[in-house]
C-alpha atoms as a PDB file:
ATOM      1  CA  MET A   1     160.036  98.155  48.257  1.00  0.00           C
ATOM      2  CA  GLN A   2     163.080  96.369  49.687  1.00  0.00           C
ATOM      3  CA  ARG A   3     161.598  96.672  53.147  1.00  0.00           C
ATOM      4  CA  LEU A   4     158.434  94.901  52.000  1.00  0.00           C
ATOM      5  CA  ILE A   5     160.496  92.211  50.294  1.00  0.00           C
ATOM      6  CA  ASP A   6     162.526  91.601  53.454  1.00  0.00           C
ATOM      7  CA  MET A   7     159.298  91.426  55.443  1.00  0.00           C
ATOM      8  CA  PHE A   8     157.880  88.888  52.990  1.00  0.00           C
ATOM      9  CA  PHE A   9     160.962  86.697  53.335  1.00  0.00           C
ATOM     10  CA  SER A  10     160.865  86.876  57.130  1.00  0.00           C
ATOM     11  CA  ILE A  11     157.277  85.702  57.685  1.00  0.00           C
ATOM     12  CA  PRO A  12     156.443  81.987  58.216  1.00  0.00           C
ATOM     13  CA  ALA A  13     156.011  79.889  55.070  1.00  0.00           C
ATOM     14  CA  GLY A  14     152.278  79.485  55.594  1.00  0.00           C
ATOM     15  CA  TRP A  15     151.782  83.228  55.818  1.00  0.00           C
ATOM     16  CA  ALA A  16     153.898  83.738  52.697  1.00  0.00           C
ATOM     17  CA  ILE A  17     151.717  81.302  50.742  1.00  0.00           C
ATOM     18  CA  GLY A  18     148.654  83.133  52.049  1.00  0.00           C
ATOM     19  CA  ALA A  19     150.153  86.441  50.916  1.00  0.00           C
ATOM     20  CA  VAL A  20     150.749  85.070  47.399  1.00  0.00           C
ATOM     21  CA  PHE A  21     147.122  83.971  47.220  1.00  0.00           C
ATOM     22  CA  ALA A  22     145.737  87.190  48.743  1.00  0.00           C
ATOM     23  CA  LEU A  23     147.723  89.580  46.549  1.00  0.00           C
ATOM     24  CA  THR A  24     146.977  87.735  43.315  1.00  0.00           C
ATOM     25  CA  CYS A  25     143.306  87.468  44.287  1.00  0.00           C
ATOM     26  CA  ALA A  26     143.060  91.152  45.219  1.00  0.00           C
ATOM     27  CA  GLU A  27     144.690  92.282  41.967  1.00  0.00           C
ATOM     28  CA  ALA A  28     141.400  92.163  40.034  1.00  0.00           C
ATOM     29  CA  SER A  29     138.774  91.762  42.758  1.00  0.00           C
ATOM     30  CA  LEU A  30     139.912  94.887  44.641  1.00  0.00           C
ATOM     31  CA  PHE A  31     141.956  96.544  41.834  1.00  0.00           C
ATOM     32  CA  PHE A  32     144.983  96.084  44.096  1.00  0.00           C
ATOM     33  CA  GLY A  33     147.176  95.555  41.068  1.00  0.00           C
ATOM     34  CA  PHE A  34     147.473  99.333  40.740  1.00  0.00           C
ATOM     35  CA  VAL A  35     149.330  99.369  44.083  1.00  0.00           C
ATOM     36  CA  ILE A  36     151.391  96.159  43.982  1.00  0.00           C
ATOM     37  CA  PRO A  37     151.310  94.054  40.803  1.00  0.00           C
ATOM     38  CA  GLY A  38     150.525  90.454  41.664  1.00  0.00           C
ATOM     39  CA  GLU A  39     153.547  89.067  39.843  1.00  0.00           C
ATOM     40  CA  ILE A  40     155.845  90.515  42.533  1.00  0.00           C
ATOM     41  CA  ALA A  41     154.342  88.280  45.224  1.00  0.00           C
ATOM     42  CA  VAL A  42     154.347  85.301  42.855  1.00  0.00           C
ATOM     43  CA  VAL A  43     158.011  85.751  41.909  1.00  0.00           C
ATOM     44  CA  LEU A  44     159.004  86.110  45.574  1.00  0.00           C
ATOM     45  CA  GLY A  45     156.993  82.993  46.398  1.00  0.00           C
ATOM     46  CA  GLY A  46     159.020  81.152  43.776  1.00  0.00           C
ATOM     47  CA  VAL A  47     162.210  82.421  45.421  1.00  0.00           C
ATOM     48  CA  LEU A  48     161.075  81.000  48.770  1.00  0.00           C
ATOM     49  CA  ALA A  49     160.486  77.659  47.086  1.00  0.00           C
ATOM     50  CA  SER A  50     163.995  77.742  45.614  1.00  0.00           C
ATOM     51  CA  ARG A  51     165.356  78.269  49.138  1.00  0.00           C
ATOM     52  CA  GLY A  52     163.463  75.265  50.399  1.00  0.00           C
ATOM     53  CA  THR A  53     161.391  77.431  52.742  1.00  0.00           C
ATOM     54  CA  THR A  54     158.177  76.160  51.180  1.00  0.00           C
ATOM     55  CA  ARG A  55     157.144  73.742  48.470  1.00  0.00           C
ATOM     56  CA  LEU A  56     157.054  74.811  44.855  1.00  0.00           C
ATOM     57  CA  GLY A  57     153.674  73.128  44.408  1.00  0.00           C
ATOM     58  CA  SER A  58     152.195  75.207  47.252  1.00  0.00           C
ATOM     59  CA  VAL A  59     153.311  78.463  45.648  1.00  0.00           C
ATOM     60  CA  LEU A  60     152.016  77.361  42.251  1.00  0.00           C
ATOM     61  CA  ALA A  61     148.648  76.411  43.730  1.00  0.00           C
ATOM     62  CA  ALA A  62     148.341  79.715  45.622  1.00  0.00           C
ATOM     63  CA  ALA A  63     149.305  81.810  42.584  1.00  0.00           C
ATOM     64  CA  VAL A  64     147.005  80.020  40.153  1.00  0.00           C
ATOM     65  CA  ALA A  65     144.060  79.802  42.561  1.00  0.00           C
ATOM     66  CA  GLY A  66     144.419  83.459  43.563  1.00  0.00           C
ATOM     67  CA  ALA A  67     144.543  84.582  39.938  1.00  0.00           C
ATOM     68  CA  ILE A  68     141.492  82.548  38.911  1.00  0.00           C
ATOM     69  CA  ILE A  69     139.345  83.320  41.958  1.00  0.00           C
ATOM     70  CA  GLY A  70     140.251  87.014  42.030  1.00  0.00           C
ATOM     71  CA  ASP A  71     139.434  87.444  38.353  1.00  0.00           C
ATOM     72  CA  PHE A  72     136.108  85.667  38.757  1.00  0.00           C
ATOM     73  CA  ILE A  73     135.188  87.978  41.632  1.00  0.00           C
ATOM     74  CA  GLY A  74     136.105  90.930  39.417  1.00  0.00           C
ATOM     75  CA  PHE A  75     133.900  89.456  36.677  1.00  0.00           C
ATOM     76  CA  LEU A  76     130.956  89.188  39.087  1.00  0.00           C
ATOM     77  CA  ILE A  77     131.485  92.806  40.180  1.00  0.00           C
ATOM     78  CA  GLY A  78     131.304  93.882  36.541  1.00  0.00           C
ATOM     79  CA  ARG A  79     128.083  91.947  35.967  1.00  0.00           C
ATOM     80  CA  ARG A  80     126.553  93.429  39.109  1.00  0.00           C
ATOM     81  CA  TYR A  81     127.476  97.093  38.649  1.00  0.00           C
ATOM     82  CA  GLY A  82     127.850  97.367  34.870  1.00  0.00           C
ATOM     83  CA  SER A  83     130.027  99.589  32.688  1.00  0.00           C
ATOM     84  CA  GLY A  84     129.114 102.761  34.567  1.00  0.00           C
ATOM     85  CA  PHE A  85     131.135 101.505  37.518  1.00  0.00           C
ATOM     86  CA  LEU A  86     134.338 101.285  35.459  1.00  0.00           C
ATOM     87  CA  GLU A  87     133.563 104.442  33.537  1.00  0.00           C
ATOM     88  CA  ASN A  88     133.475 106.386  36.810  1.00  0.00           C
ATOM     89  CA  LEU A  89     136.712 104.801  38.023  1.00  0.00           C
ATOM     90  CA  PHE A  90     138.637 105.086  34.748  1.00  0.00           C
ATOM     91  CA  PRO A  91     136.913 107.717  32.585  1.00  0.00           C
ATOM     92  CA  ARG A  92     139.733 107.906  30.046  1.00  0.00           C
ATOM     93  CA  LYS A  93     140.965 104.308  30.037  1.00  0.00           C
ATOM     94  CA  TRP A  94     137.631 102.504  30.121  1.00  0.00           C
ATOM     95  CA  PRO A  95     136.483 103.212  26.497  1.00  0.00           C
ATOM     96  CA  PRO A  96     139.612 101.675  24.895  1.00  0.00           C
ATOM     97  CA  VAL A  97     139.430  98.646  27.211  1.00  0.00           C
ATOM     98  CA  ARG A  98     135.757  98.135  26.328  1.00  0.00           C
ATOM     99  CA  ALA A  99     136.541  98.408  22.600  1.00  0.00           C
ATOM    100  CA  TRP A 100     139.456  95.971  22.985  1.00  0.00           C
ATOM    101  CA  ILE A 101     137.236  93.376  24.684  1.00  0.00           C
ATOM    102  CA  LYS A 102     134.581  93.759  21.973  1.00  0.00           C
ATOM    103  CA  ARG A 103     137.219  93.256  19.300  1.00  0.00           C
ATOM    104  CA  ARG A 104     139.002  90.300  20.933  1.00  0.00           C
ATOM    105  CA  GLY A 105     136.044  88.593  22.562  1.00  0.00           C
ATOM    106  CA  ALA A 106     136.575  85.968  25.260  1.00  0.00           C
ATOM    107  CA  PRO A 107     140.316  85.447  24.475  1.00  0.00           C
ATOM    108  CA  ALA A 108     140.817  89.021  25.760  1.00  0.00           C
ATOM    109  CA  VAL A 109     140.534  87.512  29.255  1.00  0.00           C
ATOM    110  CA  PHE A 110     143.631  85.418  28.540  1.00  0.00           C
ATOM    111  CA  LEU A 111     145.501  88.185  26.721  1.00  0.00           C
ATOM    112  CA  GLY A 112     144.610  90.634  29.507  1.00  0.00           C
ATOM    113  CA  ARG A 113     147.204  88.944  31.709  1.00  0.00           C
ATOM    114  CA  SER A 114     149.922  90.730  29.711  1.00  0.00           C
ATOM    115  CA  THR A 115     149.983  93.909  31.858  1.00  0.00           C
ATOM    116  CA  ALA A 116     149.150  94.840  35.464  1.00  0.00           C
ATOM    117  CA  PHE A 117     146.524  97.365  34.341  1.00  0.00           C
ATOM    118  CA  LEU A 118     144.696  94.893  32.114  1.00  0.00           C
ATOM    119  CA  ARG A 119     144.840  92.186  34.790  1.00  0.00           C
ATOM    120  CA  ALA A 120     143.150  94.590  37.178  1.00  0.00           C
ATOM    121  CA  VAL A 121     140.328  95.765  34.892  1.00  0.00           C
ATOM    122  CA  VAL A 122     139.688  93.161  32.174  1.00  0.00           C
ATOM    123  CA  PRO A 123     137.760  90.694  34.395  1.00  0.00           C
ATOM    124  CA  THR A 124     135.409  93.442  35.602  1.00  0.00           C
ATOM    125  CA  ALA A 125     135.150  94.814  32.072  1.00  0.00           C
ATOM    126  CA  ALA A 126     134.248  91.333  30.778  1.00  0.00           C
ATOM    127  CA  GLY A 127     131.478  91.113  33.357  1.00  0.00           C
ATOM    128  CA  ALA A 128     130.204  94.567  32.449  1.00  0.00           C
ATOM    129  CA  ALA A 129     130.195  93.528  28.779  1.00  0.00           C
ATOM    130  CA  ARG A 130     127.877  90.614  29.755  1.00  0.00           C
ATOM    131  CA  MET A 131     130.320  87.964  28.577  1.00  0.00           C
ATOM    132  CA  SER A 132     129.069  84.417  29.100  1.00  0.00           C
ATOM    133  CA  PRO A 133     130.239  83.137  32.532  1.00  0.00           C
ATOM    134  CA  ALA A 134     131.204  79.789  30.996  1.00  0.00           C
ATOM    135  CA  ARG A 135     133.369  81.412  28.308  1.00  0.00           C
ATOM    136  CA  PHE A 136     134.925  83.757  30.833  1.00  0.00           C
ATOM    137  CA  LEU A 137     135.726  80.887  33.190  1.00  0.00           C
ATOM    138  CA  LEU A 138     137.402  78.865  30.439  1.00  0.00           C
ATOM    139  CA  TRP A 139     139.773  81.654  29.413  1.00  0.00           C
ATOM    140  CA  ASN A 140     140.218  82.750  33.010  1.00  0.00           C
ATOM    141  CA  VAL A 141     141.401  79.286  34.054  1.00  0.00           C
ATOM    142  CA  LEU A 142     143.746  79.026  31.064  1.00  0.00           C
ATOM    143  CA  GLY A 143     145.201  82.483  31.652  1.00  0.00           C
ATOM    144  CA  GLY A 144     145.491  82.147  35.422  1.00  0.00           C
ATOM    145  CA  ALA A 145     147.209  78.762  35.155  1.00  0.00           C
ATOM    146  CA  ALA A 146     149.702  79.942  32.519  1.00  0.00           C
ATOM    147  CA  TRP A 147     150.459  83.235  34.256  1.00  0.00           C
ATOM    148  CA  GLY A 148     150.759  81.791  37.766  1.00  0.00           C
ATOM    149  CA  THR A 149     153.032  78.994  36.581  1.00  0.00           C
ATOM    150  CA  ALA A 150     155.249  81.280  34.486  1.00  0.00           C
ATOM    151  CA  PHE A 151     155.979  83.799  37.240  1.00  0.00           C
ATOM    152  CA  THR A 152     156.363  81.210  39.994  1.00  0.00           C
ATOM    153  CA  LEU A 153     158.986  79.411  37.920  1.00  0.00           C
ATOM    154  CA  LEU A 154     160.653  82.725  37.107  1.00  0.00           C
ATOM    155  CA  GLY A 155     161.239  83.307  40.818  1.00  0.00           C
ATOM    156  CA  TYR A 156     162.160  79.674  41.447  1.00  0.00           C
ATOM    157  CA  PHE A 157     164.884  79.550  38.802  1.00  0.00           C
ATOM    158  CA  ALA A 158     166.114  83.083  39.577  1.00  0.00           C
ATOM    159  CA  GLY A 159     166.746  82.134  43.222  1.00  0.00           C
ATOM    160  CA  GLU A 160     169.003  84.645  44.908  1.00  0.00           C
ATOM    161  CA  GLU A 161     169.075  86.696  41.717  1.00  0.00           C
ATOM    162  CA  TYR A 162     165.481  87.665  42.473  1.00  0.00           C
ATOM    163  CA  GLU A 163     166.161  91.399  42.112  1.00  0.00           C
ATOM    164  CA  ALA A 164     166.898  90.880  38.438  1.00  0.00           C
ATOM    165  CA  ALA A 165     163.805  88.665  38.179  1.00  0.00           C
ATOM    166  CA  LEU A 166     161.648  91.425  39.661  1.00  0.00           C
ATOM    167  CA  ARG A 167     163.074  93.936  37.210  1.00  0.00           C
ATOM    168  CA  TRP A 168     162.192  91.561  34.422  1.00  0.00           C
ATOM    169  CA  ALA A 169     158.745  90.771  35.823  1.00  0.00           C
ATOM    170  CA  GLY A 170     157.069  93.631  33.948  1.00  0.00           C
ATOM    171  CA  ARG A 171     158.935  92.701  30.805  1.00  0.00           C
ATOM    172  CA  GLY A 172     158.013  89.125  31.548  1.00  0.00           C
ATOM    173  CA  SER A 173     154.381  90.080  31.104  1.00  0.00           C
ATOM    174  CA  LEU A 174     155.227  91.237  27.602  1.00  0.00           C
ATOM    175  CA  ALA A 175     157.180  88.033  27.004  1.00  0.00           C
ATOM    176  CA  PHE A 176     154.164  86.092  28.250  1.00  0.00           C
ATOM    177  CA  LEU A 177     151.977  87.841  25.697  1.00  0.00           C
ATOM    178  CA  ILE A 178     154.507  87.168  22.892  1.00  0.00           C
ATOM    179  CA  LEU A 179     154.657  83.504  23.890  1.00  0.00           C
ATOM    180  CA  VAL A 180     150.868  83.270  23.889  1.00  0.00           C
ATOM    181  CA  MET A 181     150.614  84.855  20.454  1.00  0.00           C
ATOM    182  CA  THR A 182     153.318  82.532  19.109  1.00  0.00           C
ATOM    183  CA  VAL A 183     151.574  79.434  20.452  1.00  0.00           C
ATOM    184  CA  ALA A 184     148.251  80.669  19.078  1.00  0.00           C
ATOM    185  CA  ALA A 185     149.803  81.225  15.648  1.00  0.00           C
ATOM    186  CA  VAL A 186     151.335  77.730  15.652  1.00  0.00           C
ATOM    187  CA  LEU A 187     148.009  76.141  16.655  1.00  0.00           C
ATOM    188  CA  LEU A 188     146.125  78.055  13.965  1.00  0.00           C
ATOM    189  CA  LEU A 189     148.696  77.016  11.356  1.00  0.00           C
ATOM    190  CA  LYS A 190     148.482  73.390  12.485  1.00  0.00           C
ATOM    191  CA  ARG A 191     144.681  73.484  12.309  1.00  0.00           C
ATOM    192  CA  SER A 192     144.809  74.994   8.828  1.00  0.00           C
ATOM    193  CA  LEU A 193     147.248  72.322   7.602  1.00  0.00           C
ATOM    194  CA  ILE A 194     145.167  69.498   9.086  1.00  0.00           C
ATOM    195  CA  LYS A 195     142.048  70.820   7.345  1.00  0.00           C
ATOM    196  CA  ARG A 196     143.951  71.080   4.065  1.00  0.00           C
ATOM    197  CA  TRP A 197     145.338  67.546   4.310  1.00  0.00           C
ATOM    198  CA  ALA A 198     141.959  66.142   5.402  1.00  0.00           C
ATOM    199  CA  ALA A 199     140.099  67.769   2.514  1.00  0.00           C
ATOM    200  CA  PRO A 200     139.272  65.329  -0.299  1.00  0.00           C
ATOM    201  CA  ASP A 201     141.109  65.843  -3.567  1.00  0.00           C
ATOM    202  CA  SER A 202     139.001  67.574  -6.142  1.00  0.00           C
END
């Protein structure tokens, strides 16, 4: 792994940005996340930005665009080939993923960013489940933007302590999920309170 990291740091900035985009895009569209989780490239891109090798905005754009586009390609693959495609690839893991998407609905696309496995299969599973493209795109954009920003900034602020950041990247996915659930709970509470205050007194 260290050899690949050193290679990443040694390539020109433009190629590094391209690698961030390609790896995040391939995570779901080609199931590449089972080989190299996309957050590794995103964190390292953030490190390059902290060194001044490239601009932070360029890394953010590549990470977010790669995540959104790659997931949408995965979604289209699912719609084209159906559930049998995933069932053949993941005979044991596909049924629980399918049940999870049925239970969670469209927000599962956002929550699926919590682990490398779910990032790789949830978009295709959503397509196979015939989720509305508009609903998928909404949650895909929200999830891709939040995830890409979070892991780019993790690498940026870690700087030369990137090894620790990479170790925490997997745990960061869990932290991302916890943060999402916390924000969702706060928004639901706020909505409930607004409805209660807006209701006319009986």
